[in-house]
Amino acid sequence: MHTDTESNSMLEAILSEQLTSFGLIGVEVLVIVGSLYAIWPERQKKSDIDVDAAVRNAPYHLLKKL
């Protein structure tokens, strides 16, 4: 028959194993999410400037003075 101290130590052992397991699972999830975030391609932000219009209207005549 088990005494109270034996069942308490067993309960503490189980709790510490669960805490360790859940802690490791949490760290693994954070590593996976962080890795996916790091390698996820960034979306190209649309520029506020119309590049075609800027090239078309560029002051190319000023290049002759160089």
Protein backbone atom coordinates (compact mmCIF):
# COMPACT_ATOMS: atom_id res chain seq x y z
CA MET A 1 0.00 0.00 0.00
CA HIS A 2 1.26 3.47 -0.86
CA THR A 3 1.75 6.11 1.72
CA ASP A 4 0.98 9.78 1.24
CA THR A 5 4.64 10.68 0.79
CA GLU A 6 5.09 8.09 -1.96
CA SER A 7 2.04 9.28 -3.89
CA ASN A 8 3.11 12.91 -3.40
CA SER A 9 6.55 12.22 -4.85
CA MET A 10 4.99 10.31 -7.75
CA LEU A 11 2.61 13.20 -8.38
CA GLU A 12 5.49 15.68 -8.28
CA ALA A 13 7.48 13.52 -10.70
CA ILE A 14 4.55 13.34 -13.11
CA LEU A 15 3.93 17.07 -12.84
CA SER A 16 7.58 17.91 -13.45
CA GLU A 17 7.64 15.58 -16.47
CA GLN A 18 4.51 17.23 -17.86
CA LEU A 19 5.90 20.70 -17.28
CA THR A 20 9.13 19.75 -19.01
CA SER A 21 7.26 18.14 -21.91
CA PHE A 22 4.91 21.08 -22.41
CA GLY A 23 7.82 23.49 -22.09
CA LEU A 24 9.77 21.66 -24.79
CA ILE A 25 6.71 21.51 -27.04
CA GLY A 26 6.21 25.25 -26.56
CA VAL A 27 9.83 25.98 -27.45
CA GLU A 28 9.60 23.75 -30.53
CA VAL A 29 6.46 25.55 -31.69
CA LEU A 30 8.18 28.92 -31.23
CA VAL A 31 11.21 27.73 -33.21
CA ILE A 32 9.03 26.44 -36.05
CA VAL A 33 6.93 29.61 -36.20
CA GLY A 34 10.05 31.79 -36.03
CA SER A 35 11.73 29.82 -38.80
CA LEU A 36 8.66 30.05 -41.03
CA TYR A 37 8.42 33.78 -40.36
CA ALA A 38 12.11 34.24 -41.22
CA ILE A 39 11.90 32.40 -44.55
CA TRP A 40 8.45 33.68 -45.57
CA PRO A 41 8.85 35.91 -48.62
CA GLU A 42 8.03 39.54 -47.99
CA ARG A 43 5.32 41.08 -50.08
CA GLN A 44 6.45 43.73 -52.47
CA LYS A 45 5.07 47.05 -51.33
CA LYS A 46 3.62 48.96 -54.20
CA SER A 47 5.53 52.17 -54.61
CA ASP A 48 3.69 55.45 -54.39
CA ILE A 49 5.69 56.71 -57.38
CA ASP A 50 4.82 55.67 -60.92
CA VAL A 51 8.22 54.47 -62.09
CA ASP A 52 7.27 54.52 -65.77
CA ALA A 53 6.16 58.14 -65.53
CA ALA A 54 9.30 59.09 -63.60
CA VAL A 55 11.54 57.57 -66.28
CA ARG A 56 9.48 59.09 -69.07
CA ASN A 57 9.57 62.58 -67.53
CA ALA A 58 13.17 62.49 -66.30
CA PRO A 59 15.30 65.52 -67.18
CA TYR A 60 17.59 63.72 -69.62
CA HIS A 61 18.56 67.02 -71.25
CA LEU A 62 20.54 67.86 -68.10
CA LEU A 63 22.83 64.87 -68.74
CA LYS A 64 24.42 66.71 -71.68
CA LYS A 65 25.96 69.20 -69.24
CA LEU A 66 27.93 66.50 -67.47
